Amino acid sequence: MKGENVNTVLVTGATDGIGKATAAALAKMGCQVLVHGRKFDRATAITNELISHSGNNKIIPVSANLASMNEIFAMAQQIRNSFESLDVLINNAGVYMKTRELTEDGLEMTFGVNHISHFLLTNLLLPLIRKSPEGRIVTVSSVAHQRGVLDFTDLQFERGYNGYSAYSLSKLCNILFANKLARLLENDGITSNSLHPGVVTTKLLRAGFSMEGISTSEGAETSVYVATSTQARNVTGKYFSDSRETACSHIASDELKADKLWEISRRFTEKFLTEII
């Protein structure tokens, strides 16, 4: 059941996989859905597909390459200029890189796209989320976070790269970020939670793990639950799996590590956040 105040939702990475299935479910629920894709043409094509399948014409394409802080900033500005409020932000997009590559800003790609891009986008969109009567921020992590090793001296894997290690670290960062955000916003009426969507059959799963899993529609269920359910309305700083609160790893709950990661992330993005924080 959709939360009664949920209306406008942005889903990052919504042109494929779990993100697309999440956007499709929200469209069928009558939400106004901002479909994010790396390329505008692709986001537009998926938007048209979702409109056709759902009968909901309140589907809007937005685009930014999440490996570019300039593009993230531009997309956030566009959204802030076009909408009066944002009820839900679903930080869903993610990559799995078998070899070490760098973003436009010189960050290791997995860390940059899976964590830093959503740190930046969330902070840029907070003014809109604050205007919602029921603001929710949902960050898609993974059970892989349990294998994440948080070495603050080598977050960029400059001393040796392993794709799974980088991915696991980024998913750990997702939870630390979501938990820190929950503490920062606890008096603002905005909730922040993270989740494991399940082992889902996506391009990422095939590329990173050469295996199959549950369907993308099943994988989207927890995201939709946390984003819209009345049961989760006042829940914040929690980690979900199978649409239920569950325990994350001990390190993912470490407030001091979350504080340190937040400060590092802020320094990486401060050029774009000076007018916000």
C-alpha atoms as a PDB file:
ATOM      1  CA  MET A   1       0.000   0.000   0.000  1.00  0.00           C
ATOM      2  CA  LYS A   2       1.388   3.357  -1.029  1.00  0.00           C
ATOM      3  CA  GLY A   3       2.038   5.896   1.695  1.00  0.00           C
ATOM      4  CA  GLU A   4      -0.712   8.522   1.495  1.00  0.00           C
ATOM      5  CA  ASN A   5       1.729  11.401   1.045  1.00  0.00           C
ATOM      6  CA  VAL A   6       4.007   9.778  -1.509  1.00  0.00           C
ATOM      7  CA  ASN A   7       3.792  11.490  -4.877  1.00  0.00           C
ATOM      8  CA  THR A   8       7.058  12.405  -6.618  1.00  0.00           C
ATOM      9  CA  VAL A   9       9.865   9.843  -6.633  1.00  0.00           C
ATOM     10  CA  LEU A  10      13.310   9.915  -8.253  1.00  0.00           C
ATOM     11  CA  VAL A  11      14.888   6.535  -8.989  1.00  0.00           C
ATOM     12  CA  THR A  12      18.530   6.542 -10.045  1.00  0.00           C
ATOM     13  CA  GLY A  13      19.633   3.828 -12.438  1.00  0.00           C
ATOM     14  CA  ALA A  14      16.030   3.374 -13.577  1.00  0.00           C
ATOM     15  CA  THR A  15      16.654   2.334 -17.175  1.00  0.00           C
ATOM     16  CA  ASP A  16      17.544  -1.277 -16.389  1.00  0.00           C
ATOM     17  CA  GLY A  17      17.432  -3.991 -13.758  1.00  0.00           C
ATOM     18  CA  ILE A  18      16.103  -3.335 -10.261  1.00  0.00           C
ATOM     19  CA  GLY A  19      15.797   0.401 -10.893  1.00  0.00           C
ATOM     20  CA  LYS A  20      13.567  -0.077 -13.915  1.00  0.00           C
ATOM     21  CA  ALA A  21      11.404  -2.594 -12.048  1.00  0.00           C
ATOM     22  CA  THR A  22      11.174  -0.175  -9.118  1.00  0.00           C
ATOM     23  CA  ALA A  23      10.119   2.669 -11.411  1.00  0.00           C
ATOM     24  CA  ALA A  24       7.564   0.393 -13.097  1.00  0.00           C
ATOM     25  CA  ALA A  25       6.008  -0.587  -9.759  1.00  0.00           C
ATOM     26  CA  LEU A  26       5.826   3.039  -8.626  1.00  0.00           C
ATOM     27  CA  ALA A  27       4.296   4.065 -11.944  1.00  0.00           C
ATOM     28  CA  LYS A  28       1.535   1.486 -11.509  1.00  0.00           C
ATOM     29  CA  MET A  29       0.891   2.908  -8.027  1.00  0.00           C
ATOM     30  CA  GLY A  30       0.215   6.310  -9.571  1.00  0.00           C
ATOM     31  CA  CYS A  31       3.368   8.063  -8.430  1.00  0.00           C
ATOM     32  CA  GLN A  32       5.053  10.771 -10.446  1.00  0.00           C
ATOM     33  CA  VAL A  33       8.320   9.032 -11.277  1.00  0.00           C
ATOM     34  CA  LEU A  34      11.568  10.650 -12.378  1.00  0.00           C
ATOM     35  CA  VAL A  35      13.391   8.015 -14.409  1.00  0.00           C
ATOM     36  CA  HIS A  36      17.130   8.584 -14.221  1.00  0.00           C
ATOM     37  CA  GLY A  37      19.470   7.210 -16.843  1.00  0.00           C
ATOM     38  CA  ARG A  38      23.044   7.879 -17.867  1.00  0.00           C
ATOM     39  CA  LYS A  39      21.860   9.007 -21.305  1.00  0.00           C
ATOM     40  CA  PHE A  40      18.758  11.102 -21.895  1.00  0.00           C
ATOM     41  CA  ASP A  41      17.717   9.119 -24.993  1.00  0.00           C
ATOM     42  CA  ARG A  42      17.716   5.889 -22.987  1.00  0.00           C
ATOM     43  CA  ALA A  43      15.829   7.487 -20.091  1.00  0.00           C
ATOM     44  CA  THR A  44      13.255   8.812 -22.545  1.00  0.00           C
ATOM     45  CA  ALA A  45      12.787   5.404 -24.176  1.00  0.00           C
ATOM     46  CA  ILE A  46      12.198   3.730 -20.804  1.00  0.00           C
ATOM     47  CA  THR A  47       9.866   6.550 -19.788  1.00  0.00           C
ATOM     48  CA  ASN A  48       7.719   5.948 -22.862  1.00  0.00           C
ATOM     49  CA  GLU A  49       7.715   2.212 -22.161  1.00  0.00           C
ATOM     50  CA  LEU A  50       6.599   2.733 -18.555  1.00  0.00           C
ATOM     51  CA  ILE A  51       3.854   5.150 -19.608  1.00  0.00           C
ATOM     52  CA  SER A  52       2.578   2.602 -22.120  1.00  0.00           C
ATOM     53  CA  HIS A  53       2.580  -0.277 -19.630  1.00  0.00           C
ATOM     54  CA  SER A  54       1.167   1.618 -16.647  1.00  0.00           C
ATOM     55  CA  GLY A  55      -1.200   4.125 -18.223  1.00  0.00           C
ATOM     56  CA  ASN A  56       0.444   6.711 -15.964  1.00  0.00           C
ATOM     57  CA  ASN A  57       1.652   9.729 -17.921  1.00  0.00           C
ATOM     58  CA  LYS A  58       3.417  11.285 -14.927  1.00  0.00           C
ATOM     59  CA  ILE A  59       6.723   9.658 -15.835  1.00  0.00           C
ATOM     60  CA  ILE A  60       9.596  12.029 -16.561  1.00  0.00           C
ATOM     61  CA  PRO A  61      13.105  11.293 -17.874  1.00  0.00           C
ATOM     62  CA  VAL A  62      16.190  12.859 -16.297  1.00  0.00           C
ATOM     63  CA  SER A  63      19.801  12.086 -17.074  1.00  0.00           C
ATOM     64  CA  ALA A  64      23.326  12.360 -15.731  1.00  0.00           C
ATOM     65  CA  ASN A  65      26.444  10.276 -15.926  1.00  0.00           C
ATOM     66  CA  LEU A  66      27.003   9.453 -12.249  1.00  0.00           C
ATOM     67  CA  ALA A  67      30.726   9.265 -12.942  1.00  0.00           C
ATOM     68  CA  SER A  68      30.661  13.040 -13.467  1.00  0.00           C
ATOM     69  CA  MET A  69      30.010  15.450 -10.593  1.00  0.00           C
ATOM     70  CA  ASN A  70      29.358  18.203 -13.113  1.00  0.00           C
ATOM     71  CA  GLU A  71      26.535  16.196 -14.666  1.00  0.00           C
ATOM     72  CA  ILE A  72      25.110  15.254 -11.258  1.00  0.00           C
ATOM     73  CA  PHE A  73      25.095  18.921 -10.271  1.00  0.00           C
ATOM     74  CA  ALA A  74      23.400  19.908 -13.527  1.00  0.00           C
ATOM     75  CA  MET A  75      20.695  17.255 -13.127  1.00  0.00           C
ATOM     76  CA  ALA A  76      20.055  18.281  -9.527  1.00  0.00           C
ATOM     77  CA  GLN A  77      19.709  21.907 -10.586  1.00  0.00           C
ATOM     78  CA  GLN A  78      17.267  20.906 -13.312  1.00  0.00           C
ATOM     79  CA  ILE A  79      15.153  18.941 -10.848  1.00  0.00           C
ATOM     80  CA  ARG A  80      15.229  21.734  -8.264  1.00  0.00           C
ATOM     81  CA  ASN A  81      14.102  24.215 -10.904  1.00  0.00           C
ATOM     82  CA  SER A  82      11.318  21.970 -12.210  1.00  0.00           C
ATOM     83  CA  PHE A  83       9.680  20.573  -9.068  1.00  0.00           C
ATOM     84  CA  GLU A  84       8.372  22.127  -5.881  1.00  0.00           C
ATOM     85  CA  SER A  85       9.186  19.101  -3.749  1.00  0.00           C
ATOM     86  CA  LEU A  86      10.568  15.577  -3.867  1.00  0.00           C
ATOM     87  CA  ASP A  87       8.877  12.971  -1.688  1.00  0.00           C
ATOM     88  CA  VAL A  88      11.247  10.058  -2.209  1.00  0.00           C
ATOM     89  CA  LEU A  89      14.795   9.685  -3.500  1.00  0.00           C
ATOM     90  CA  ILE A  90      15.799   6.099  -4.265  1.00  0.00           C
ATOM     91  CA  ASN A  91      19.577   5.833  -4.614  1.00  0.00           C
ATOM     92  CA  ASN A  92      19.597   2.674  -6.694  1.00  0.00           C
ATOM     93  CA  ALA A  93      22.223   3.013  -9.431  1.00  0.00           C
ATOM     94  CA  GLY A  94      25.374   0.945  -9.157  1.00  0.00           C
ATOM     95  CA  VAL A  95      28.258  -0.550 -11.095  1.00  0.00           C
ATOM     96  CA  TYR A  96      30.578  -3.526 -10.747  1.00  0.00           C
ATOM     97  CA  MET A  97      33.996  -2.983 -12.304  1.00  0.00           C
ATOM     98  CA  LYS A  98      36.288  -5.911 -12.984  1.00  0.00           C
ATOM     99  CA  THR A  99      39.244  -3.613 -13.598  1.00  0.00           C
ATOM    100  CA  ARG A 100      40.189  -0.354 -11.895  1.00  0.00           C
ATOM    101  CA  GLU A 101      38.908   2.671 -13.780  1.00  0.00           C
ATOM    102  CA  LEU A 102      38.530   6.300 -12.764  1.00  0.00           C
ATOM    103  CA  THR A 103      35.606   8.689 -12.898  1.00  0.00           C
ATOM    104  CA  GLU A 104      35.800  12.054 -14.609  1.00  0.00           C
ATOM    105  CA  ASP A 105      36.765  13.476 -11.221  1.00  0.00           C
ATOM    106  CA  GLY A 106      39.599  10.998 -10.637  1.00  0.00           C
ATOM    107  CA  LEU A 107      37.815   8.685  -8.193  1.00  0.00           C
ATOM    108  CA  GLU A 108      37.900   4.911  -8.397  1.00  0.00           C
ATOM    109  CA  MET A 109      34.782   4.133 -10.442  1.00  0.00           C
ATOM    110  CA  THR A 110      32.961   1.780  -8.056  1.00  0.00           C
ATOM    111  CA  PHE A 111      33.428   4.056  -5.051  1.00  0.00           C
ATOM    112  CA  GLY A 112      32.643   7.120  -7.136  1.00  0.00           C
ATOM    113  CA  VAL A 113      29.423   5.886  -8.743  1.00  0.00           C
ATOM    114  CA  ASN A 114      28.032   3.633  -6.011  1.00  0.00           C
ATOM    115  CA  HIS A 115      28.706   5.962  -3.080  1.00  0.00           C
ATOM    116  CA  ILE A 116      30.002   9.440  -3.878  1.00  0.00           C
ATOM    117  CA  SER A 117      27.466  10.153  -6.641  1.00  0.00           C
ATOM    118  CA  HIS A 118      24.574   9.441  -4.281  1.00  0.00           C
ATOM    119  CA  PHE A 119      26.193  11.377  -1.449  1.00  0.00           C
ATOM    120  CA  LEU A 120      26.391  14.392  -3.746  1.00  0.00           C
ATOM    121  CA  LEU A 121      22.960  13.997  -5.345  1.00  0.00           C
ATOM    122  CA  THR A 122      21.223  13.481  -2.004  1.00  0.00           C
ATOM    123  CA  ASN A 123      22.775  16.590  -0.490  1.00  0.00           C
ATOM    124  CA  LEU A 124      21.934  18.657  -3.562  1.00  0.00           C
ATOM    125  CA  LEU A 125      18.292  17.533  -3.472  1.00  0.00           C
ATOM    126  CA  LEU A 126      17.765  17.906   0.285  1.00  0.00           C
ATOM    127  CA  PRO A 127      16.115  21.342  -0.133  1.00  0.00           C
ATOM    128  CA  LEU A 128      13.407  19.680  -2.258  1.00  0.00           C
ATOM    129  CA  ILE A 129      13.045  16.690   0.048  1.00  0.00           C
ATOM    130  CA  ARG A 130      12.626  19.027   3.031  1.00  0.00           C
ATOM    131  CA  LYS A 131       9.525  20.457   1.327  1.00  0.00           C
ATOM    132  CA  SER A 132       7.809  17.066   1.276  1.00  0.00           C
ATOM    133  CA  PRO A 133       5.380  16.199   4.070  1.00  0.00           C
ATOM    134  CA  GLU A 134       6.834  12.681   4.072  1.00  0.00           C
ATOM    135  CA  GLY A 135      10.410  12.841   2.800  1.00  0.00           C
ATOM    136  CA  ARG A 136      12.141   9.507   2.403  1.00  0.00           C
ATOM    137  CA  ILE A 137      15.646   8.638   1.225  1.00  0.00           C
ATOM    138  CA  VAL A 138      16.192   5.012   0.278  1.00  0.00           C
ATOM    139  CA  THR A 139      19.673   3.711  -0.509  1.00  0.00           C
ATOM    140  CA  VAL A 140      20.087   0.324  -2.170  1.00  0.00           C
ATOM    141  CA  SER A 141      22.990  -1.566  -0.623  1.00  0.00           C
ATOM    142  CA  SER A 142      23.667  -5.316  -0.697  1.00  0.00           C
ATOM    143  CA  VAL A 143      24.388  -8.271   1.555  1.00  0.00           C
ATOM    144  CA  ALA A 144      27.862  -7.944   0.009  1.00  0.00           C
ATOM    145  CA  HIS A 145      28.461  -5.103   2.481  1.00  0.00           C
ATOM    146  CA  GLN A 146      29.281  -7.795   5.046  1.00  0.00           C
ATOM    147  CA  ARG A 147      32.516  -8.459   3.163  1.00  0.00           C
ATOM    148  CA  GLY A 148      33.438  -4.797   2.890  1.00  0.00           C
ATOM    149  CA  VAL A 149      36.764  -3.733   4.397  1.00  0.00           C
ATOM    150  CA  LEU A 150      36.865  -0.054   5.327  1.00  0.00           C
ATOM    151  CA  ASP A 151      40.462   1.074   4.943  1.00  0.00           C
ATOM    152  CA  PHE A 152      40.423   4.865   5.127  1.00  0.00           C
ATOM    153  CA  THR A 153      44.020   4.969   3.869  1.00  0.00           C
ATOM    154  CA  ASP A 154      43.073   3.299   0.569  1.00  0.00           C
ATOM    155  CA  LEU A 155      39.421   3.903  -0.330  1.00  0.00           C
ATOM    156  CA  GLN A 156      40.504   4.185  -3.979  1.00  0.00           C
ATOM    157  CA  PHE A 157      42.241   0.774  -4.116  1.00  0.00           C
ATOM    158  CA  GLU A 158      45.456   2.351  -5.300  1.00  0.00           C
ATOM    159  CA  ARG A 159      47.463  -0.394  -3.631  1.00  0.00           C
ATOM    160  CA  GLY A 160      45.835  -3.219  -5.528  1.00  0.00           C
ATOM    161  CA  TYR A 161      42.404  -3.561  -7.110  1.00  0.00           C
ATOM    162  CA  ASN A 162      39.859  -6.345  -6.748  1.00  0.00           C
ATOM    163  CA  GLY A 163      36.389  -5.913  -8.228  1.00  0.00           C
ATOM    164  CA  TYR A 164      34.506  -7.708  -5.465  1.00  0.00           C
ATOM    165  CA  SER A 165      36.422  -5.903  -2.730  1.00  0.00           C
ATOM    166  CA  ALA A 166      35.641  -2.540  -4.326  1.00  0.00           C
ATOM    167  CA  TYR A 167      31.979  -3.445  -4.750  1.00  0.00           C
ATOM    168  CA  SER A 168      31.663  -4.724  -1.175  1.00  0.00           C
ATOM    169  CA  LEU A 169      33.264  -1.557   0.176  1.00  0.00           C
ATOM    170  CA  SER A 170      30.873   0.623  -1.817  1.00  0.00           C
ATOM    171  CA  LYS A 171      27.887  -1.285  -0.443  1.00  0.00           C
ATOM    172  CA  LEU A 172      29.228  -0.865   3.089  1.00  0.00           C
ATOM    173  CA  CYS A 173      29.568   2.848   2.402  1.00  0.00           C
ATOM    174  CA  ASN A 174      25.918   2.926   1.311  1.00  0.00           C
ATOM    175  CA  ILE A 175      24.752   1.793   4.753  1.00  0.00           C
ATOM    176  CA  LEU A 176      27.150   4.019   6.671  1.00  0.00           C
ATOM    177  CA  PHE A 177      25.927   6.957   4.575  1.00  0.00           C
ATOM    178  CA  ALA A 178      22.249   6.120   5.061  1.00  0.00           C
ATOM    179  CA  ASN A 179      22.690   5.716   8.817  1.00  0.00           C
ATOM    180  CA  LYS A 180      24.628   8.967   9.183  1.00  0.00           C
ATOM    181  CA  LEU A 181      21.998  10.784   7.129  1.00  0.00           C
ATOM    182  CA  ALA A 182      19.260   9.385   9.390  1.00  0.00           C
ATOM    183  CA  ARG A 183      21.001  10.881  12.420  1.00  0.00           C
ATOM    184  CA  LEU A 184      21.501  14.250  10.716  1.00  0.00           C
ATOM    185  CA  LEU A 185      17.842  14.444   9.666  1.00  0.00           C
ATOM    186  CA  GLU A 186      16.191  12.887  12.704  1.00  0.00           C
ATOM    187  CA  ASN A 187      14.498  16.174  13.659  1.00  0.00           C
ATOM    188  CA  ASP A 188      13.544  17.157  10.106  1.00  0.00           C
ATOM    189  CA  GLY A 189      10.772  14.647   9.392  1.00  0.00           C
ATOM    190  CA  ILE A 190      12.886  12.916   6.724  1.00  0.00           C
ATOM    191  CA  THR A 191      13.708   9.225   6.949  1.00  0.00           C
ATOM    192  CA  SER A 192      16.833   7.542   5.587  1.00  0.00           C
ATOM    193  CA  ASN A 193      17.117   3.774   5.263  1.00  0.00           C
ATOM    194  CA  SER A 194      19.160   1.222   3.327  1.00  0.00           C
ATOM    195  CA  LEU A 195      18.360  -2.222   2.014  1.00  0.00           C
ATOM    196  CA  HIS A 196      19.454  -5.477   0.419  1.00  0.00           C
ATOM    197  CA  PRO A 197      17.245  -6.152  -2.632  1.00  0.00           C
ATOM    198  CA  GLY A 198      18.080  -9.844  -2.792  1.00  0.00           C
ATOM    199  CA  VAL A 199      20.303 -11.667  -5.240  1.00  0.00           C
ATOM    200  CA  VAL A 200      18.696 -10.370  -8.407  1.00  0.00           C
ATOM    201  CA  THR A 201      19.242 -11.342 -12.023  1.00  0.00           C
ATOM    202  CA  THR A 202      20.729  -8.144 -13.468  1.00  0.00           C
ATOM    203  CA  LYS A 203      23.573  -7.179 -15.780  1.00  0.00           C
ATOM    204  CA  LEU A 204      25.570  -6.323 -12.662  1.00  0.00           C
ATOM    205  CA  LEU A 205      25.059  -9.789 -11.177  1.00  0.00           C
ATOM    206  CA  ARG A 206      26.046 -11.506 -14.414  1.00  0.00           C
ATOM    207  CA  ALA A 207      29.078  -9.267 -14.919  1.00  0.00           C
ATOM    208  CA  GLY A 208      30.324  -9.500 -11.366  1.00  0.00           C
ATOM    209  CA  PHE A 209      29.301 -12.959 -10.266  1.00  0.00           C
ATOM    210  CA  SER A 210      28.323 -14.962 -13.404  1.00  0.00           C
ATOM    211  CA  MET A 211      25.120 -16.218 -11.788  1.00  0.00           C
ATOM    212  CA  GLU A 212      21.356 -15.889 -11.869  1.00  0.00           C
ATOM    213  CA  GLY A 213      19.004 -14.838  -9.093  1.00  0.00           C
ATOM    214  CA  ILE A 214      15.438 -13.722  -8.467  1.00  0.00           C
ATOM    215  CA  SER A 215      13.544 -11.560 -10.939  1.00  0.00           C
ATOM    216  CA  THR A 216      14.017  -7.798 -11.038  1.00  0.00           C
ATOM    217  CA  SER A 217      10.375  -7.287 -10.032  1.00  0.00           C
ATOM    218  CA  GLU A 218      10.996  -9.363  -6.900  1.00  0.00           C
ATOM    219  CA  GLY A 219      14.222  -7.451  -6.321  1.00  0.00           C
ATOM    220  CA  ALA A 220      12.332  -4.147  -6.457  1.00  0.00           C
ATOM    221  CA  GLU A 221       9.836  -5.118  -3.753  1.00  0.00           C
ATOM    222  CA  THR A 222      11.920  -4.024  -0.762  1.00  0.00           C
ATOM    223  CA  SER A 223      12.791  -0.680  -2.364  1.00  0.00           C
ATOM    224  CA  VAL A 224       9.118  -0.010  -3.063  1.00  0.00           C
ATOM    225  CA  TYR A 225       8.152  -1.087   0.460  1.00  0.00           C
ATOM    226  CA  VAL A 226      10.660   1.208   2.167  1.00  0.00           C
ATOM    227  CA  ALA A 227       9.818   4.064  -0.203  1.00  0.00           C
ATOM    228  CA  THR A 228       6.032   3.957   0.046  1.00  0.00           C
ATOM    229  CA  SER A 229       4.599   1.777   2.800  1.00  0.00           C
ATOM    230  CA  THR A 230       2.752   3.331   5.717  1.00  0.00           C
ATOM    231  CA  GLN A 231       4.534   0.838   7.986  1.00  0.00           C
ATOM    232  CA  ALA A 232       7.918   2.382   7.130  1.00  0.00           C
ATOM    233  CA  ARG A 233       6.725   5.977   7.349  1.00  0.00           C
ATOM    234  CA  ASN A 234       8.446   6.809  10.622  1.00  0.00           C
ATOM    235  CA  VAL A 235      11.262   4.247  10.439  1.00  0.00           C
ATOM    236  CA  THR A 236      14.743   5.667   9.937  1.00  0.00           C
ATOM    237  CA  GLY A 237      18.346   4.529  10.190  1.00  0.00           C
ATOM    238  CA  LYS A 238      17.431   0.904   9.517  1.00  0.00           C
ATOM    239  CA  TYR A 239      18.543  -1.793   7.070  1.00  0.00           C
ATOM    240  CA  PHE A 240      15.915  -3.881   5.292  1.00  0.00           C
ATOM    241  CA  SER A 241      15.820  -7.223   3.482  1.00  0.00           C
ATOM    242  CA  ASP A 242      12.701  -8.999   2.206  1.00  0.00           C
ATOM    243  CA  SER A 243      10.700  -5.907   3.193  1.00  0.00           C
ATOM    244  CA  ARG A 244      11.620  -6.369   6.853  1.00  0.00           C
ATOM    245  CA  GLU A 245      14.067  -4.683   9.177  1.00  0.00           C
ATOM    246  CA  THR A 246      17.140  -6.846   9.636  1.00  0.00           C
ATOM    247  CA  ALA A 247      20.619  -6.558  11.079  1.00  0.00           C
ATOM    248  CA  CYS A 248      23.481  -5.162   9.046  1.00  0.00           C
ATOM    249  CA  SER A 249      27.119  -5.902   9.832  1.00  0.00           C
ATOM    250  CA  HIS A 250      28.669  -4.520  12.998  1.00  0.00           C
ATOM    251  CA  ILE A 251      30.955  -2.155  11.088  1.00  0.00           C
ATOM    252  CA  ALA A 252      28.016  -0.801   9.072  1.00  0.00           C
ATOM    253  CA  SER A 253      26.485   0.352  12.373  1.00  0.00           C
ATOM    254  CA  ASP A 254      29.645   2.086  13.587  1.00  0.00           C
ATOM    255  CA  GLU A 255      28.768   5.759  14.068  1.00  0.00           C
ATOM    256  CA  LEU A 256      32.370   6.930  14.293  1.00  0.00           C
ATOM    257  CA  LYS A 257      33.235   5.282  10.987  1.00  0.00           C
ATOM    258  CA  ALA A 258      30.105   6.764   9.434  1.00  0.00           C
ATOM    259  CA  ASP A 259      31.171  10.209  10.693  1.00  0.00           C
ATOM    260  CA  LYS A 260      34.635   9.839   9.181  1.00  0.00           C
ATOM    261  CA  LEU A 261      33.290   8.568   5.856  1.00  0.00           C
ATOM    262  CA  TRP A 262      30.867  11.513   5.741  1.00  0.00           C
ATOM    263  CA  GLU A 263      33.670  14.022   6.202  1.00  0.00           C
ATOM    264  CA  ILE A 264      35.816  12.368   3.532  1.00  0.00           C
ATOM    265  CA  SER A 265      32.849  12.307   1.157  1.00  0.00           C
ATOM    266  CA  ARG A 266      32.106  15.948   1.878  1.00  0.00           C
ATOM    267  CA  ARG A 267      35.675  16.904   1.013  1.00  0.00           C
ATOM    268  CA  PHE A 268      35.458  15.033  -2.289  1.00  0.00           C
ATOM    269  CA  THR A 269      32.299  16.942  -3.198  1.00  0.00           C
ATOM    270  CA  GLU A 270      32.729  20.301  -1.456  1.00  0.00           C
ATOM    271  CA  LYS A 271      33.158  22.195  -4.726  1.00  0.00           C
ATOM    272  CA  PHE A 272      29.519  21.429  -5.492  1.00  0.00           C
ATOM    273  CA  LEU A 273      28.072  21.607  -1.992  1.00  0.00           C
ATOM    274  CA  THR A 274      29.250  24.987  -0.723  1.00  0.00           C
ATOM    275  CA  GLU A 275      25.802  26.508  -1.154  1.00  0.00           C
ATOM    276  CA  ILE A 276      24.059  23.626   0.632  1.00  0.00           C
ATOM    277  CA  ILE A 277      26.200  22.660   3.655  1.00  0.00           C
END
